[in-house]
């Protein structure tokens, strides 16, 4: 039997699931761990580590460890989000000639896709050993608010890892599928997904194995990493105030604080206070300096509450777009490790006016839903219909830098639409088609996805030629664009994915279908013999 897996490729952790005998099962390693850290490291011998071993040596090797690469995938180096992330990422990030970010460790430069390839290969091997069979197909999840660039790069990473991507599915939609599949009950649900690096909110109508997304919203730079950074900054400030030592620019010391912050955050989900004791916290600055302090849940909630309020503001906009009232929500689901935090759970339940569904595991529910979708795609007897939406408006640049929408935000996908344009000058024989995504009036404030020239337009006075521009967005949320002159039938099209790959090949000087840089030669955990979590 040929198995198809579902993979939740997360900012902090990655999870893989498969349907066996009609039931979804989480693949665990020998120690029963259901998730694998999305971390890649280069050790002193020049070999790559992925997963738990890579995360374990982050404190001693911060410059050689890449974490939270999902926050960089499909982004421009100059974007505000990437520039903000550079403040706390322990590894160096440099700008490639094409404007994308490159992660620099051990004298090597890796793309965020390279990191994703290694992580996907890691969990792919876990599944293969558990099933004793090669895995060649998968459904991969992405945040609902991921744009076209981020989706195409995620898909390319999975393909380079040796997987045919049957479908990219939004994480909240996958969670809803895990919650509602097979129940038959008709209801309107909300999925509140607060993960390690991203936040999503989706509103869906479900029933009779039909899952229709009404609206989705989110922030690709709002997640648990931001909580860790807040706590670490607080600890650094406390250390400076009590000892006079400033460690803000010591990456190894700050990585120790980030690790301590994450551990404190987890402990404070079940305890009212926790002690932090770090001996010789900054040996590169002052070997005599120690950090001893006690942190309370109230302190952490005070310093981080605005991060939760930001998520609720996004919920407001999403409900407005869906034209659904809070009173119409039958049930809401908490997804993502951050929803274990009492502050988030409390404010979310106050916002929705009800208790969250208790039947889902927030760390595993997305991978579970992905595996259910995978099974329905290969088994004709399993029927499920997913009606998802595009998270951002897609359009082209017209005269005076005006952004002209072609496919609007929250349009059902797959979708195809054409609009007719004309020329602005007499005897104009070519036009440039510039494709953007975003919600702003002017193109300069949106994101450029690609551009191409339509050549061979029949010469005529301005405003006479008829040029049809067609946007086609597939079920994965990935875009292709075609332009055609009706008189001459001259046509040109672009696959946004292909364009991105060509640009990256030019930058790195090699074909990106291989693994480049030896990423495929990473070490395995010595105890990663897999099993299933029933």
Protein backbone atom coordinates (compact mmCIF):
# COMPACT_ATOMS: atom_id res chain seq x y z
CA UNK A 1 0.00 0.00 0.00
CA UNK A 2 1.22 3.47 -0.85
CA UNK A 3 0.96 5.90 2.06
CA UNK A 4 0.54 9.66 1.80
CA UNK A 5 1.54 11.74 4.82
CA UNK A 6 0.44 15.08 6.19
CA UNK A 7 3.20 17.43 7.34
CA UNK A 8 2.75 20.47 9.55
CA UNK A 9 5.92 22.45 8.79
CA UNK A 10 6.00 24.84 11.74
CA UNK A 11 8.20 27.78 12.71
CA UNK A 12 9.33 26.07 15.92
CA UNK A 13 8.40 22.42 15.40
CA UNK A 14 7.33 20.08 12.61
CA UNK A 15 4.87 17.20 12.93
CA UNK A 16 4.02 14.33 10.56
CA UNK A 17 0.88 12.18 10.50
CA UNK A 18 -0.51 9.34 8.41
CA UNK A 19 -3.90 7.62 8.19
CA UNK A 20 -3.74 3.91 9.10
CA UNK A 21 -6.81 1.69 8.98
CA UNK A 22 -8.99 4.76 8.64
CA UNK A 23 -7.53 6.55 11.68
CA UNK A 24 -4.95 9.37 11.65
CA UNK A 25 -1.76 8.54 13.57
CA UNK A 26 1.03 10.88 14.63
CA UNK A 27 4.50 9.53 13.86
CA UNK A 28 6.68 9.72 16.98
CA UNK A 29 10.36 8.99 17.53
CA UNK A 30 11.79 6.41 19.91
CA UNK A 31 11.33 8.72 22.86
CA UNK A 32 7.70 9.27 22.04
CA UNK A 33 8.24 12.85 20.84
CA UNK A 34 5.51 13.83 18.41
CA UNK A 35 7.24 16.93 17.06
CA UNK A 36 10.68 17.66 15.61
CA UNK A 37 12.30 21.09 16.16
CA UNK A 38 12.50 23.02 12.88
CA UNK A 39 16.16 23.73 13.53
CA UNK A 40 19.26 23.17 11.38
CA UNK A 41 22.84 23.42 12.69
CA UNK A 42 26.34 23.01 11.34
CA UNK A 43 28.73 21.41 13.82
CA UNK A 44 32.49 21.87 14.11
CA UNK A 45 33.11 18.91 11.79
CA UNK A 46 31.14 20.57 9.01
CA UNK A 47 28.19 18.20 9.28
CA UNK A 48 24.58 19.23 9.52
CA UNK A 49 22.32 18.41 12.46
CA UNK A 50 18.55 18.61 12.21
CA UNK A 51 15.89 18.49 14.90
CA UNK A 52 16.48 17.78 18.57
CA UNK A 53 20.28 17.55 18.35
CA UNK A 54 20.43 20.83 16.45
CA UNK A 55 18.27 22.60 19.04
CA UNK A 56 20.25 21.10 21.94
CA UNK A 57 23.46 22.84 20.87
CA UNK A 58 21.95 26.27 20.10
CA UNK A 59 23.29 27.80 23.32
CA UNK A 60 26.91 26.77 22.64
CA UNK A 61 26.73 27.32 18.88
CA UNK A 62 24.31 30.19 18.19
CA UNK A 63 26.23 31.40 15.14
CA UNK A 64 26.02 27.95 13.58
CA UNK A 65 22.34 27.25 14.21
CA UNK A 66 19.35 28.30 12.10
CA UNK A 67 15.95 28.50 13.77
CA UNK A 68 12.64 30.14 12.85
CA UNK A 69 13.60 30.07 9.16
CA UNK A 70 9.91 29.90 8.30
CA UNK A 71 9.76 33.61 9.15
CA UNK A 72 12.18 34.28 6.29
CA UNK A 73 10.79 31.99 3.59
CA UNK A 74 9.37 33.83 0.57
CA UNK A 75 10.35 37.21 2.04
CA UNK A 76 12.46 40.11 0.85
CA UNK A 77 15.48 41.01 2.98
CA UNK A 78 14.44 44.66 3.02
CA UNK A 79 10.93 43.97 4.34
CA UNK A 80 10.02 45.38 7.73
CA UNK A 81 9.27 41.89 9.00
CA UNK A 82 12.71 40.51 8.13
CA UNK A 83 14.48 43.58 9.50
CA UNK A 84 12.60 43.15 12.75
CA UNK A 85 13.53 39.46 12.92
CA UNK A 86 17.22 40.26 12.45
CA UNK A 87 17.24 41.83 15.90
CA UNK A 88 16.92 38.50 17.66
CA UNK A 89 17.91 35.73 15.22
CA UNK A 90 21.15 34.21 16.54
CA UNK A 91 22.65 33.53 13.10
CA UNK A 92 23.77 36.00 10.44
CA UNK A 93 21.32 36.89 7.68
CA UNK A 94 22.62 38.61 4.55
CA UNK A 95 20.98 39.95 1.42
CA UNK A 96 21.24 37.97 -1.80
CA UNK A 97 21.65 39.83 -5.12
CA UNK A 98 17.96 39.23 -5.86
CA UNK A 99 16.96 40.86 -2.55
CA UNK A 100 16.03 37.68 -0.68
CA UNK A 101 17.54 36.68 2.69
CA UNK A 102 20.33 34.12 2.99
CA UNK A 103 21.19 32.41 6.29
CA UNK A 104 24.92 32.35 6.96
CA UNK A 105 26.45 29.64 9.18
CA UNK A 106 29.96 28.21 9.19
CA UNK A 107 30.95 30.13 6.08
CA UNK A 108 28.01 28.67 4.15
CA UNK A 109 25.03 30.54 2.82
CA UNK A 110 21.70 28.75 2.86
CA UNK A 111 18.31 29.87 1.67
CA UNK A 112 15.30 29.46 3.98
CA UNK A 113 14.16 26.81 1.50
CA UNK A 114 17.37 24.85 2.14
CA UNK A 115 16.51 24.76 5.84
CA UNK A 116 12.95 23.63 5.12
CA UNK A 117 14.29 20.88 2.83
CA UNK A 118 16.41 19.44 5.64
CA UNK A 119 13.55 19.53 8.16
CA UNK A 120 11.08 17.91 5.75
CA UNK A 121 13.61 15.19 4.89
CA UNK A 122 14.02 14.50 8.59
CA UNK A 123 10.32 13.86 9.25
CA UNK A 124 9.98 12.08 5.89
CA UNK A 125 12.56 9.55 7.07
CA UNK A 126 10.76 9.12 10.37
CA UNK A 127 7.58 8.23 8.50
CA UNK A 128 9.41 5.92 6.09
CA UNK A 129 10.96 3.96 8.94
CA UNK A 130 7.67 3.73 10.78
CA UNK A 131 5.83 2.50 7.69
CA UNK A 132 8.74 0.53 6.22
CA UNK A 133 7.99 2.12 2.88
CA UNK A 134 9.27 5.02 0.80
CA UNK A 135 7.11 8.13 1.06
CA UNK A 136 6.74 10.07 -2.18
CA UNK A 137 3.56 12.12 -1.69
CA UNK A 138 2.37 14.54 0.97
CA UNK A 139 -0.04 17.28 1.91
CA UNK A 140 1.84 20.23 3.43
CA UNK A 141 0.28 22.87 5.66
CA UNK A 142 0.97 26.61 5.53
CA UNK A 143 -0.33 29.54 7.59
CA UNK A 144 -3.59 30.85 6.17
CA UNK A 145 -2.09 34.31 5.76
CA UNK A 146 0.95 33.08 3.79
CA UNK A 147 1.17 34.98 0.52
CA UNK A 148 1.93 33.62 -2.93
CA UNK A 149 5.71 33.87 -2.48
CA UNK A 150 5.70 32.04 0.83
CA UNK A 151 3.46 29.28 -0.50
CA UNK A 152 5.49 28.65 -3.63
CA UNK A 153 8.75 28.44 -1.64
CA UNK A 154 7.20 26.01 0.86
CA UNK A 155 5.98 23.82 -2.00
CA UNK A 156 9.40 23.93 -3.64
CA UNK A 157 11.08 22.87 -0.40
CA UNK A 158 8.88 19.79 -0.16
CA UNK A 159 9.54 18.92 -3.80
CA UNK A 160 13.29 19.21 -3.30
CA UNK A 161 12.93 16.90 -0.29
CA UNK A 162 11.58 14.25 -2.65
CA UNK A 163 7.85 14.71 -2.18
CA UNK A 164 5.08 15.29 -4.66
CA UNK A 165 2.89 17.92 -3.02
CA UNK A 166 -0.69 16.83 -3.58
CA UNK A 167 -2.01 19.94 -1.87
CA UNK A 168 -0.98 22.92 0.21
CA UNK A 169 -3.64 23.32 2.88
CA UNK A 170 -4.07 26.23 5.27
CA UNK A 171 -3.25 25.33 8.86
CA UNK A 172 -6.61 26.47 10.34
CA UNK A 173 -8.45 24.55 7.62
CA UNK A 174 -6.45 21.43 8.47
CA UNK A 175 -7.33 21.88 12.14
CA UNK A 176 -11.02 22.24 11.27
CA UNK A 177 -10.80 19.07 9.17
CA UNK A 178 -9.32 17.14 12.10
CA UNK A 179 -12.05 18.48 14.38
CA UNK A 180 -15.08 18.08 12.15
CA UNK A 181 -14.33 15.27 9.67
CA UNK A 182 -16.90 12.51 9.85
CA UNK A 183 -19.09 14.25 12.40
CA UNK A 184 -21.83 15.19 9.92
CA UNK A 185 -22.87 18.10 12.13
CA UNK A 186 -23.53 21.42 10.44
CA UNK A 187 -21.91 24.25 12.34
CA UNK A 188 -19.99 27.50 12.02
CA UNK A 189 -16.59 27.33 13.69
CA UNK A 190 -13.63 29.60 14.26
CA UNK A 191 -10.04 28.35 14.37
CA UNK A 192 -7.74 30.52 16.50
CA UNK A 193 -4.20 29.41 15.63
CA UNK A 194 -1.36 30.95 17.67
CA UNK A 195 1.87 29.16 16.79
CA UNK A 196 5.57 29.64 17.30
CA UNK A 197 5.97 32.21 14.54
CA UNK A 198 2.59 32.96 13.00
CA UNK A 199 -0.99 33.75 13.97
CA UNK A 200 -4.06 32.79 11.93
CA UNK A 201 -7.80 33.09 12.39
CA UNK A 202 -10.23 31.35 10.05
CA UNK A 203 -14.03 31.19 10.08
CA UNK A 204 -15.57 28.12 8.44
CA UNK A 205 -18.91 26.51 7.81
CA UNK A 206 -18.69 22.72 8.04
CA UNK A 207 -21.14 19.89 7.52
CA UNK A 208 -21.44 16.59 5.64
CA UNK A 209 -17.66 16.64 5.01
CA UNK A 210 -17.87 20.03 3.28
CA UNK A 211 -15.51 22.61 4.79
CA UNK A 212 -16.07 26.12 3.45
CA UNK A 213 -13.78 28.93 4.58
CA UNK A 214 -15.75 32.17 4.89
CA UNK A 215 -12.84 34.44 5.77
CA UNK A 216 -9.27 34.23 6.98
CA UNK A 217 -6.79 36.65 8.51
CA UNK A 218 -3.47 36.56 10.25
CA UNK A 219 0.03 37.86 10.81
CA UNK A 220 3.08 35.96 9.59
CA UNK A 221 5.17 37.71 12.26
CA UNK A 222 3.17 37.14 15.42
CA UNK A 223 3.90 34.05 17.48
CA UNK A 224 5.66 32.42 20.39
CA UNK A 225 9.05 33.73 19.24
CA UNK A 226 7.84 37.23 20.09
CA UNK A 227 6.93 36.17 23.63
CA UNK A 228 10.37 34.61 24.09
CA UNK A 229 12.00 37.81 22.89
CA UNK A 230 9.97 39.95 25.28
CA UNK A 231 10.95 37.81 28.26
CA UNK A 232 14.61 37.64 27.18
CA UNK A 233 14.74 41.43 26.81
CA UNK A 234 13.28 41.77 30.30
CA UNK A 235 15.95 39.44 31.71
CA UNK A 236 18.73 41.34 29.89
CA UNK A 237 17.43 44.63 31.30
CA UNK A 238 17.21 43.12 34.79
CA UNK A 239 20.80 41.87 34.51
CA UNK A 240 22.04 45.29 33.41
CA UNK A 241 20.20 47.04 36.25
CA UNK A 242 21.52 44.65 38.92
CA UNK A 243 25.08 44.08 37.67
CA UNK A 244 25.80 46.91 35.22
CA UNK A 245 26.66 44.36 32.51
CA UNK A 246 25.01 44.84 29.10
CA UNK A 247 24.77 41.60 27.11
CA UNK A 248 22.41 42.83 24.40
CA UNK A 249 25.09 42.43 21.71
CA UNK A 250 26.48 39.09 22.92
CA UNK A 251 24.66 36.50 20.81
CA UNK A 252 25.69 33.53 22.91
CA UNK A 253 24.50 35.20 26.10
CA UNK A 254 21.25 36.33 24.47
CA UNK A 255 20.66 32.81 23.19
CA UNK A 256 20.97 31.55 26.77
CA UNK A 257 18.39 34.12 27.81
CA UNK A 258 16.08 33.10 24.96
CA UNK A 259 16.30 29.46 26.00
CA UNK A 260 15.63 30.42 29.63
CA UNK A 261 12.73 32.62 28.51
CA UNK A 262 11.12 29.80 26.52
CA UNK A 263 11.47 27.37 29.42
CA UNK A 264 10.03 29.94 31.86
CA UNK A 265 7.12 30.60 29.51
CA UNK A 266 6.30 26.89 29.37
CA UNK A 267 6.57 26.44 33.13
CA UNK A 268 4.36 29.46 33.79
CA UNK A 269 1.59 27.80 31.85
CA UNK A 270 1.13 25.47 34.83
CA UNK A 271 2.85 27.35 37.68
CA UNK A 272 2.39 30.82 39.18
CA UNK A 273 6.12 31.56 39.33
CA UNK A 274 9.46 30.06 38.29
CA UNK A 275 13.09 30.59 39.18
CA UNK A 276 15.74 31.43 36.60
CA UNK A 277 19.36 30.60 37.51
CA UNK A 278 22.06 31.08 34.88
CA UNK A 279 25.66 30.80 36.11
CA UNK A 280 28.30 32.69 34.12
CA UNK A 281 25.56 33.90 31.80
CA UNK A 282 27.94 36.01 29.70
CA UNK A 283 31.48 34.54 29.77
CA UNK A 284 32.48 36.58 26.72
CA UNK A 285 31.64 39.80 28.60
CA UNK A 286 32.25 39.07 32.29
CA UNK A 287 32.81 35.55 33.62
CA UNK A 288 31.77 36.51 37.14
CA UNK A 289 28.23 37.57 36.19
CA UNK A 290 25.35 35.27 37.17
CA UNK A 291 21.63 35.74 36.64
CA UNK A 292 19.37 34.76 39.54
CA UNK A 293 15.78 35.96 39.51
CA UNK A 294 12.19 34.84 39.96
CA UNK A 295 9.61 35.42 37.27
CA UNK A 296 5.86 35.33 37.87
CA UNK A 297 3.00 34.57 35.54
CA UNK A 298 1.56 38.04 36.19
CA UNK A 299 4.84 39.67 35.11
CA UNK A 300 4.93 37.75 31.84
CA UNK A 301 1.28 38.49 31.14
CA UNK A 302 1.84 42.21 31.71
CA UNK A 303 4.81 42.35 29.33
CA UNK A 304 3.12 40.27 26.60
CA UNK A 305 -0.60 41.11 26.74
CA UNK A 306 -0.40 43.44 23.73
CA UNK A 307 0.74 40.47 21.60
CA UNK A 308 -2.52 38.73 22.45
CA UNK A 309 -4.56 41.89 21.87
CA UNK A 310 -3.03 42.17 18.38
CA UNK A 311 -4.44 38.75 17.56
CA UNK A 312 -7.91 39.78 18.71
CA UNK A 313 -7.76 42.90 16.52
CA UNK A 314 -7.08 40.60 13.56
CA UNK A 315 -10.09 38.52 14.63
CA UNK A 316 -12.28 41.66 14.52
CA UNK A 317 -11.29 42.36 10.90
CA UNK A 318 -11.77 38.74 9.89
CA UNK A 319 -15.28 38.56 11.34
CA UNK A 320 -16.13 41.82 9.60
CA UNK A 321 -14.92 40.41 6.28
CA UNK A 322 -16.91 37.19 6.78
CA UNK A 323 -20.03 39.15 7.78
CA UNK A 324 -20.47 36.74 10.65
CA UNK A 325 -21.21 37.74 14.22
CA UNK A 326 -19.50 36.23 17.24
CA UNK A 327 -22.88 34.97 18.42
CA UNK A 328 -23.10 32.82 15.28
CA UNK A 329 -20.01 30.76 16.16
CA UNK A 330 -21.06 27.31 17.37
CA UNK A 331 -17.59 26.28 18.52
CA UNK A 332 -14.05 27.63 18.40
CA UNK A 333 -10.80 25.66 18.33
CA UNK A 334 -7.47 26.63 19.87
CA UNK A 335 -4.50 25.54 17.76
CA UNK A 336 -0.76 25.98 18.24
CA UNK A 337 1.50 25.53 21.25
CA UNK A 338 1.03 29.11 22.42
CA UNK A 339 -2.65 28.45 23.17
CA UNK A 340 -1.49 26.45 26.22
CA UNK A 341 -0.64 29.81 27.78
CA UNK A 342 -3.39 30.71 30.29
CA UNK A 343 -3.44 34.36 29.18
CA UNK A 344 -4.17 33.45 25.56
CA UNK A 345 -6.77 30.84 26.44
CA UNK A 346 -8.50 33.21 28.89
CA UNK A 347 -8.66 36.20 26.53
CA UNK A 348 -9.69 34.04 23.58
CA UNK A 349 -12.53 32.46 25.54
CA UNK A 350 -13.64 35.88 26.75
CA UNK A 351 -13.57 37.15 23.15
CA UNK A 352 -15.63 34.24 21.76
CA UNK A 353 -17.88 34.08 24.81
CA UNK A 354 -17.48 30.33 25.21
CA UNK A 355 -15.02 27.63 26.19
CA UNK A 356 -12.71 26.28 23.53
CA UNK A 357 -13.25 22.79 22.11
CA UNK A 358 -11.38 20.36 24.32
CA UNK A 359 -11.15 17.46 21.86
CA UNK A 360 -8.04 18.58 19.96
CA UNK A 361 -4.31 18.50 20.72
CA UNK A 362 -3.03 21.97 19.74
CA UNK A 363 0.42 20.61 18.76
CA UNK A 364 -0.85 17.74 16.59
CA UNK A 365 -4.23 18.78 15.20
CA UNK A 366 -2.84 20.52 12.09
CA UNK A 367 -0.74 17.52 11.00
CA UNK A 368 -3.71 15.26 11.76
CA UNK A 369 -5.96 17.30 9.46
CA UNK A 370 -3.30 17.28 6.75
CA UNK A 371 -3.11 13.48 6.84
CA UNK A 372 -6.90 13.24 6.60
CA UNK A 373 -6.82 15.49 3.53
CA UNK A 374 -4.00 13.36 2.09
CA UNK A 375 -6.03 10.18 2.56
CA UNK A 376 -9.11 11.67 0.88
CA UNK A 377 -7.06 12.73 -2.13
CA UNK A 378 -5.79 9.21 -2.87
CA UNK A 379 -8.80 7.15 -1.77
CA UNK A 380 -11.86 7.63 -4.03
CA UNK A 381 -14.10 6.24 -1.29
CA UNK A 382 -13.17 9.06 1.05
CA UNK A 383 -15.03 12.24 0.11
CA UNK A 384 -14.28 15.67 1.51
CA UNK A 385 -14.66 19.06 -0.13
CA UNK A 386 -12.45 21.94 1.00
CA UNK A 387 -13.41 25.41 -0.18
CA UNK A 388 -10.59 27.71 0.86
CA UNK A 389 -9.87 31.37 0.11
CA UNK A 390 -6.96 33.52 -0.99
CA UNK A 391 -5.57 35.59 1.92
CA UNK A 392 -4.48 38.67 -0.06
CA UNK A 393 -5.69 40.67 -3.06
CA UNK A 394 -3.83 40.00 -6.33
CA UNK A 395 -3.63 42.51 -9.16
CA UNK A 396 -1.47 44.51 -11.56
CA UNK A 397 0.09 47.96 -11.77
CA UNK A 398 -1.74 50.44 -13.97
CA UNK A 399 -1.15 54.11 -14.83
CA UNK A 400 0.26 56.35 -12.05
CA UNK A 401 1.26 53.34 -9.91
CA UNK A 402 -2.38 52.49 -9.16
CA UNK A 403 -2.91 48.91 -7.94
CA UNK A 404 -5.75 47.36 -9.95
CA UNK A 405 -7.20 44.27 -8.20
CA UNK A 406 -7.89 41.17 -10.28
CA UNK A 407 -8.58 38.59 -7.56
CA UNK A 408 -9.77 40.09 -4.29
CA UNK A 409 -8.95 38.97 -0.78
CA UNK A 410 -10.99 36.02 0.55
CA UNK A 411 -11.99 34.87 -2.95
CA UNK A 412 -12.70 31.13 -3.11
CA UNK A 413 -9.90 29.05 -4.67
CA UNK A 414 -9.23 27.64 -7.17
CA UNK A 415 -10.28 30.67 -9.20
CA UNK A 416 -9.78 32.13 -12.67
CA UNK A 417 -10.71 35.64 -13.82
CA UNK A 418 -9.88 37.95 -16.74
CA UNK A 419 -9.93 41.71 -17.09
CA UNK A 420 -9.46 43.81 -20.22
CA UNK A 421 -6.92 46.64 -20.41
CA UNK A 422 -5.61 48.92 -23.15
CA UNK A 423 -2.62 51.10 -24.06
CA UNK A 424 -1.75 54.61 -22.86
CA UNK A 425 0.22 55.77 -25.96
CA UNK A 426 -0.39 55.81 -29.73
CA UNK A 427 1.19 52.92 -31.70
CA UNK A 428 2.35 51.21 -28.52
CA UNK A 429 3.62 47.74 -29.48
CA UNK A 430 4.47 46.38 -26.03
CA UNK A 431 3.33 46.64 -22.43
CA UNK A 432 4.87 45.54 -19.16
CA UNK A 433 2.67 43.50 -16.82
CA UNK A 434 3.66 43.94 -13.17
CA UNK A 435 1.92 41.61 -10.69
CA UNK A 436 1.40 42.66 -7.07
CA UNK A 437 -0.30 41.40 -3.93
CA UNK A 438 -1.61 43.46 -1.04
CA UNK A 439 -4.41 45.72 0.08
CA UNK A 440 -2.94 49.19 -0.50
CA UNK A 441 -4.02 51.68 -3.21
CA UNK A 442 -0.54 52.18 -4.65
CA UNK A 443 1.75 49.44 -5.92
CA UNK A 444 4.75 50.87 -4.08
CA UNK A 445 3.02 49.89 -0.83
CA UNK A 446 2.28 46.32 -1.95
CA UNK A 447 4.51 43.33 -2.78
CA UNK A 448 5.81 42.74 -6.31
CA UNK A 449 5.38 39.07 -7.29
CA UNK A 450 6.68 39.17 -10.85
CA UNK A 451 6.67 40.99 -14.17
CA UNK A 452 6.87 40.27 -17.89
CA UNK A 453 6.54 42.07 -21.25
CA UNK A 454 3.78 41.46 -23.77
CA UNK A 455 5.38 42.16 -27.18
CA UNK A 456 3.74 42.32 -30.61
CA UNK A 457 0.65 44.38 -29.88
CA UNK A 458 -1.07 45.58 -33.06
CA UNK A 459 -0.19 49.25 -33.49
CA UNK A 460 -3.18 51.53 -33.09
CA UNK A 461 -4.18 54.79 -31.41
CA UNK A 462 -4.12 54.76 -27.62
CA UNK A 463 -7.13 53.18 -25.90
CA UNK A 464 -7.91 51.04 -29.00
CA UNK A 465 -5.98 47.77 -28.35
CA UNK A 466 -7.76 45.20 -26.21
CA UNK A 467 -5.43 43.29 -23.88
CA UNK A 468 -6.91 40.53 -21.71
CA UNK A 469 -5.05 39.77 -18.49
CA UNK A 470 -6.01 36.45 -16.89
CA UNK A 471 -5.17 35.47 -13.33
CA UNK A 472 -5.43 31.79 -12.38
CA UNK A 473 -4.92 30.71 -8.78
CA UNK A 474 -4.87 26.98 -8.05
CA UNK A 475 -6.03 24.99 -5.04
CA UNK A 476 -2.61 25.52 -3.43
CA UNK A 477 -3.04 29.29 -3.63
CA UNK A 478 -0.27 29.64 -6.24
CA UNK A 479 -0.70 32.08 -9.11
CA UNK A 480 -0.14 32.10 -12.87
CA UNK A 481 -0.83 35.09 -15.14
CA UNK A 482 -1.43 35.38 -18.90
CA UNK A 483 -1.76 38.48 -21.11
CA UNK A 484 -3.13 38.38 -24.69
CA UNK A 485 -3.66 41.05 -27.35
CA UNK A 486 -7.01 40.33 -29.02
CA UNK A 487 -6.01 41.78 -32.40
CA UNK A 488 -2.61 40.15 -32.96
CA UNK A 489 -3.21 37.19 -30.62
CA UNK A 490 0.26 37.84 -29.21
CA UNK A 491 0.40 36.28 -25.76
CA UNK A 492 2.76 35.91 -22.86
CA UNK A 493 2.37 34.16 -19.54
CA UNK A 494 4.29 33.62 -16.33
CA UNK A 495 4.33 30.93 -13.71
CA UNK A 496 5.26 32.77 -10.55
CA UNK A 497 6.91 29.61 -9.21
CA UNK A 498 9.13 29.19 -12.26
CA UNK A 499 10.18 32.83 -12.17
CA UNK A 500 11.21 32.57 -8.54
CA UNK A 501 13.24 29.43 -9.16
CA UNK A 502 15.11 30.96 -12.10
CA UNK A 503 16.00 33.99 -10.00
CA UNK A 504 17.33 31.78 -7.20
CA UNK A 505 19.36 29.65 -9.60
CA UNK A 506 21.02 32.84 -10.85
CA UNK A 507 21.83 33.95 -7.31
CA UNK A 508 23.25 30.65 -6.02
CA UNK A 509 24.88 29.56 -9.24
CA UNK A 510 23.45 26.05 -9.19
CA UNK A 511 20.25 24.26 -9.98
CA UNK A 512 18.01 24.32 -6.94
CA UNK A 513 16.52 20.90 -7.67
CA UNK A 514 19.46 19.33 -5.82
CA UNK A 515 20.14 19.89 -2.16
CA UNK A 516 23.16 22.17 -2.54
CA UNK A 517 25.59 22.86 0.29
CA UNK A 518 25.48 19.27 1.51
CA UNK A 519 22.32 19.81 3.51
CA UNK A 520 21.28 16.27 2.62
CA UNK A 521 24.24 14.92 4.61
CA UNK A 522 22.92 15.95 8.00
CA UNK A 523 23.33 13.64 10.99
CA UNK A 524 20.36 11.65 12.21
CA UNK A 525 19.46 11.60 15.90
CA UNK A 526 20.89 8.29 17.19
CA UNK A 527 17.54 7.46 18.81
CA UNK A 528 15.09 8.51 16.11
CA UNK A 529 13.55 5.09 15.46
CA UNK A 530 9.94 6.06 14.84
CA UNK A 531 6.65 4.75 16.13
CA UNK A 532 3.01 5.82 16.11
CA UNK A 533 1.13 7.83 18.69
CA UNK A 534 -2.29 6.23 19.12
